[in-house]
Amino acid sequence: MERELSTISGACTFEHDGCITCSDAGIPAKVISLSGDDALCEDEAGERAEIAIELVAPVEIGEILITHGGVAIGRVTKNEADKLKADG
């Protein structure tokens, strides 16, 4: 179930509050570990943050979530990641 963050080109990272490209729309981040209603996630730049996952549960390690303000608001499905990789 390994999904690559690099398939989402031009993505923002946890290090930045936002960017002119995405207007703070969301940061894709890979789930590294799970702890209750939180997940340790890593963005494309390798920055890590604790993210609340209640809105998108259940979540598995290796999934890519779309995050905003420390909360997961969506996920990138394997089919979406594969399509982005093929198009990129």
N, C-alpha and C. Protein backbone atom coordinates (compact mmCIF):
# COMPACT_ATOMS: atom_id res chain seq x y z
N MET A 1 0.82 -1.19 0.00
CA MET A 1 0.00 0.00 0.00
C MET A 1 0.86 1.26 0.00
N GLU A 2 2.13 1.14 -0.30
CA GLU A 2 3.06 2.28 -0.33
C GLU A 2 2.67 3.23 -1.44
N ARG A 3 2.52 4.50 -1.10
CA ARG A 3 2.17 5.54 -2.07
C ARG A 3 3.21 6.64 -1.98
N GLU A 4 3.60 7.16 -3.10
CA GLU A 4 4.66 8.15 -3.13
C GLU A 4 4.10 9.57 -3.12
N LEU A 5 4.64 10.42 -2.24
CA LEU A 5 4.24 11.82 -2.21
C LEU A 5 4.69 12.55 -3.46
N SER A 6 5.77 12.10 -4.06
CA SER A 6 6.30 12.79 -5.23
C SER A 6 5.34 12.76 -6.41
N THR A 7 4.28 11.96 -6.31
CA THR A 7 3.29 11.93 -7.39
C THR A 7 2.40 13.16 -7.37
N ILE A 8 2.48 13.95 -6.29
CA ILE A 8 1.65 15.14 -6.18
C ILE A 8 2.55 16.36 -6.38
N SER A 9 2.74 16.75 -7.62
CA SER A 9 3.69 17.81 -7.93
C SER A 9 3.21 19.16 -7.43
N GLY A 10 4.16 19.99 -6.99
CA GLY A 10 3.86 21.33 -6.54
C GLY A 10 3.17 21.40 -5.20
N ALA A 11 3.25 20.33 -4.41
CA ALA A 11 2.55 20.29 -3.13
C ALA A 11 3.19 21.22 -2.11
N CYS A 12 2.36 21.79 -1.23
CA CYS A 12 2.85 22.57 -0.10
C CYS A 12 3.39 21.62 0.96
N THR A 13 4.11 22.16 1.93
CA THR A 13 4.67 21.35 3.00
C THR A 13 4.30 21.93 4.35
N PHE A 14 4.51 21.15 5.43
CA PHE A 14 4.20 21.61 6.78
C PHE A 14 5.03 22.84 7.16
N GLU A 15 6.21 22.99 6.57
CA GLU A 15 7.10 24.09 6.92
C GLU A 15 6.53 25.45 6.53
N HIS A 16 5.68 25.49 5.55
CA HIS A 16 5.13 26.75 5.05
C HIS A 16 3.68 26.90 5.46
N ASP A 17 3.28 28.12 5.79
CA ASP A 17 1.89 28.38 6.15
C ASP A 17 0.97 28.28 4.93
N GLY A 18 1.51 28.43 3.79
CA GLY A 18 0.72 28.36 2.56
C GLY A 18 1.57 28.80 1.40
N CYS A 19 1.01 28.74 0.24
CA CYS A 19 1.76 29.19 -0.93
C CYS A 19 0.80 29.80 -1.94
N ILE A 20 1.37 30.51 -2.85
CA ILE A 20 0.57 31.18 -3.87
C ILE A 20 -0.09 30.16 -4.81
N THR A 21 0.50 28.97 -4.93
CA THR A 21 -0.03 27.96 -5.83
C THR A 21 -1.32 27.33 -5.31
N CYS A 22 -1.31 26.92 -4.01
CA CYS A 22 -2.48 26.18 -3.52
C CYS A 22 -3.40 27.00 -2.62
N SER A 23 -3.02 28.19 -2.25
CA SER A 23 -3.84 29.05 -1.39
C SER A 23 -4.29 28.32 -0.13
N ASP A 24 -3.37 27.59 0.49
CA ASP A 24 -3.66 26.87 1.73
C ASP A 24 -4.72 25.79 1.56
N ALA A 25 -4.90 25.26 0.37
CA ALA A 25 -5.96 24.28 0.13
C ALA A 25 -5.75 23.00 0.91
N GLY A 26 -4.55 22.51 1.01
CA GLY A 26 -4.29 21.28 1.72
C GLY A 26 -2.90 20.77 1.44
N ILE A 27 -2.34 20.07 2.41
CA ILE A 27 -0.99 19.54 2.29
C ILE A 27 -1.06 18.02 2.27
N PRO A 28 -0.57 17.37 1.21
CA PRO A 28 -0.54 15.91 1.20
C PRO A 28 0.56 15.42 2.13
N ALA A 29 0.23 14.41 2.92
CA ALA A 29 1.20 13.88 3.88
C ALA A 29 1.00 12.39 4.06
N LYS A 30 2.11 11.68 4.15
CA LYS A 30 2.08 10.23 4.29
C LYS A 30 2.01 9.85 5.76
N VAL A 31 1.14 8.90 6.09
CA VAL A 31 0.98 8.43 7.46
C VAL A 31 2.18 7.55 7.82
N ILE A 32 2.89 7.94 8.89
CA ILE A 32 4.07 7.21 9.36
C ILE A 32 3.71 6.27 10.51
N SER A 33 2.89 6.76 11.45
CA SER A 33 2.44 5.93 12.57
C SER A 33 1.10 6.45 13.07
N LEU A 34 0.40 5.59 13.83
CA LEU A 34 -0.92 5.93 14.35
C LEU A 34 -0.91 5.87 15.86
N SER A 35 -1.67 6.78 16.50
CA SER A 35 -1.82 6.80 17.95
C SER A 35 -3.19 7.36 18.29
N GLY A 36 -4.16 6.48 18.52
CA GLY A 36 -5.52 6.92 18.82
C GLY A 36 -6.13 7.67 17.66
N ASP A 37 -6.55 8.91 17.92
CA ASP A 37 -7.18 9.73 16.88
C ASP A 37 -6.19 10.64 16.16
N ASP A 38 -4.90 10.35 16.31
CA ASP A 38 -3.86 11.15 15.65
C ASP A 38 -2.94 10.25 14.85
N ALA A 39 -2.30 10.85 13.87
CA ALA A 39 -1.31 10.14 13.07
C ALA A 39 -0.08 11.03 12.92
N LEU A 40 1.09 10.42 13.02
CA LEU A 40 2.32 11.13 12.69
C LEU A 40 2.43 11.06 11.18
N CYS A 41 2.49 12.23 10.54
CA CYS A 41 2.52 12.29 9.09
C CYS A 41 3.75 13.05 8.62
N GLU A 42 4.20 12.71 7.42
CA GLU A 42 5.38 13.34 6.83
C GLU A 42 5.00 13.92 5.48
N ASP A 43 5.40 15.18 5.25
CA ASP A 43 5.09 15.83 3.98
C ASP A 43 6.20 15.54 2.96
N GLU A 44 6.05 16.11 1.77
CA GLU A 44 6.98 15.88 0.67
C GLU A 44 8.41 16.32 0.99
N ALA A 45 8.55 17.32 1.88
CA ALA A 45 9.87 17.84 2.25
C ALA A 45 10.50 17.08 3.42
N GLY A 46 9.78 16.09 3.95
CA GLY A 46 10.31 15.31 5.06
C GLY A 46 9.96 15.87 6.43
N GLU A 47 9.19 16.96 6.47
CA GLU A 47 8.74 17.53 7.74
C GLU A 47 7.64 16.65 8.32
N ARG A 48 7.66 16.47 9.65
CA ARG A 48 6.65 15.63 10.30
C ARG A 48 5.78 16.44 11.23
N ALA A 49 4.51 16.01 11.36
CA ALA A 49 3.56 16.68 12.25
C ALA A 49 2.51 15.67 12.69
N GLU A 50 1.97 15.90 13.91
CA GLU A 50 0.83 15.12 14.40
C GLU A 50 -0.43 15.68 13.75
N ILE A 51 -1.23 14.81 13.17
CA ILE A 51 -2.43 15.22 12.45
C ILE A 51 -3.64 14.49 13.03
N ALA A 52 -4.71 15.23 13.30
CA ALA A 52 -5.96 14.63 13.77
C ALA A 52 -6.61 13.90 12.60
N ILE A 53 -7.04 12.66 12.82
CA ILE A 53 -7.56 11.84 11.72
C ILE A 53 -9.03 11.46 11.87
N GLU A 54 -9.73 12.01 12.86
CA GLU A 54 -11.12 11.61 13.11
C GLU A 54 -12.02 11.76 11.88
N LEU A 55 -11.81 12.78 11.07
CA LEU A 55 -12.69 13.02 9.92
C LEU A 55 -12.51 12.02 8.79
N VAL A 56 -11.38 11.32 8.75
CA VAL A 56 -11.12 10.40 7.63
C VAL A 56 -10.89 8.96 8.09
N ALA A 57 -11.07 8.69 9.37
CA ALA A 57 -10.84 7.34 9.91
C ALA A 57 -11.76 6.33 9.23
N PRO A 58 -11.31 5.09 9.09
CA PRO A 58 -10.03 4.55 9.55
C PRO A 58 -8.90 4.88 8.58
N VAL A 59 -7.70 4.94 9.12
CA VAL A 59 -6.51 5.30 8.36
C VAL A 59 -5.47 4.20 8.53
N GLU A 60 -4.69 3.94 7.49
CA GLU A 60 -3.63 2.94 7.55
C GLU A 60 -2.27 3.60 7.35
N ILE A 61 -1.26 3.01 7.94
CA ILE A 61 0.12 3.47 7.73
C ILE A 61 0.44 3.36 6.24
N GLY A 62 1.06 4.40 5.70
CA GLY A 62 1.42 4.43 4.29
C GLY A 62 0.45 5.21 3.42
N GLU A 63 -0.75 5.46 3.92
CA GLU A 63 -1.72 6.24 3.15
C GLU A 63 -1.25 7.70 3.04
N ILE A 64 -1.74 8.37 2.01
CA ILE A 64 -1.48 9.80 1.86
C ILE A 64 -2.77 10.54 2.17
N LEU A 65 -2.70 11.42 3.17
CA LEU A 65 -3.84 12.21 3.59
C LEU A 65 -3.68 13.65 3.11
N ILE A 66 -4.79 14.31 2.89
CA ILE A 66 -4.78 15.74 2.59
C ILE A 66 -5.07 16.43 3.92
N THR A 67 -4.15 17.30 4.35
CA THR A 67 -4.25 17.91 5.67
C THR A 67 -4.37 19.43 5.56
N HIS A 68 -4.99 20.01 6.57
CA HIS A 68 -5.11 21.46 6.64
C HIS A 68 -5.25 21.84 8.11
N GLY A 69 -4.38 22.69 8.60
CA GLY A 69 -4.45 23.15 9.97
C GLY A 69 -4.33 22.04 11.00
N GLY A 70 -3.54 21.01 10.70
CA GLY A 70 -3.34 19.92 11.65
C GLY A 70 -4.44 18.88 11.67
N VAL A 71 -5.34 18.94 10.67
CA VAL A 71 -6.45 17.99 10.59
C VAL A 71 -6.47 17.36 9.20
N ALA A 72 -6.66 16.04 9.16
CA ALA A 72 -6.81 15.36 7.87
C ALA A 72 -8.22 15.63 7.36
N ILE A 73 -8.32 16.14 6.14
CA ILE A 73 -9.63 16.49 5.58
C ILE A 73 -9.98 15.63 4.37
N GLY A 74 -9.07 14.75 3.97
CA GLY A 74 -9.31 13.87 2.84
C GLY A 74 -8.14 12.92 2.67
N ARG A 75 -8.21 12.12 1.65
CA ARG A 75 -7.12 11.19 1.37
C ARG A 75 -6.91 11.07 -0.13
N VAL A 76 -5.72 10.68 -0.50
CA VAL A 76 -5.39 10.40 -1.89
C VAL A 76 -5.50 8.89 -2.04
N THR A 77 -6.43 8.44 -2.86
CA THR A 77 -6.60 7.00 -3.06
C THR A 77 -5.45 6.47 -3.92
N LYS A 78 -5.25 5.18 -3.87
CA LYS A 78 -4.19 4.55 -4.66
C LYS A 78 -4.42 4.84 -6.15
N ASN A 79 -5.68 4.78 -6.60
CA ASN A 79 -5.98 5.06 -8.00
C ASN A 79 -5.62 6.50 -8.37
N GLU A 80 -5.91 7.45 -7.48
CA GLU A 80 -5.56 8.85 -7.74
C GLU A 80 -4.06 9.05 -7.79
N ALA A 81 -3.34 8.42 -6.85
CA ALA A 81 -1.89 8.54 -6.83
C ALA A 81 -1.28 7.92 -8.08
N ASP A 82 -1.79 6.77 -8.50
CA ASP A 82 -1.29 6.12 -9.71
C ASP A 82 -1.54 6.99 -10.94
N LYS A 83 -2.73 7.62 -11.01
CA LYS A 83 -3.04 8.48 -12.15
C LYS A 83 -2.13 9.71 -12.17
N LEU A 84 -1.92 10.33 -11.02
CA LEU A 84 -1.03 11.49 -10.95
C LEU A 84 0.38 11.13 -11.37
N LYS A 85 0.83 9.96 -10.95
CA LYS A 85 2.17 9.50 -11.30
C LYS A 85 2.28 9.28 -12.81
N ALA A 86 1.25 8.70 -13.40
CA ALA A 86 1.25 8.43 -14.84
C ALA A 86 1.19 9.72 -15.65
N ASP A 87 0.43 10.71 -15.15
CA ASP A 87 0.28 11.98 -15.85
C ASP A 87 1.50 12.88 -15.70
N GLY A 88 2.24 12.69 -14.57
CA GLY A 88 3.36 13.58 -14.25
C GLY A 88 4.56 13.28 -15.04
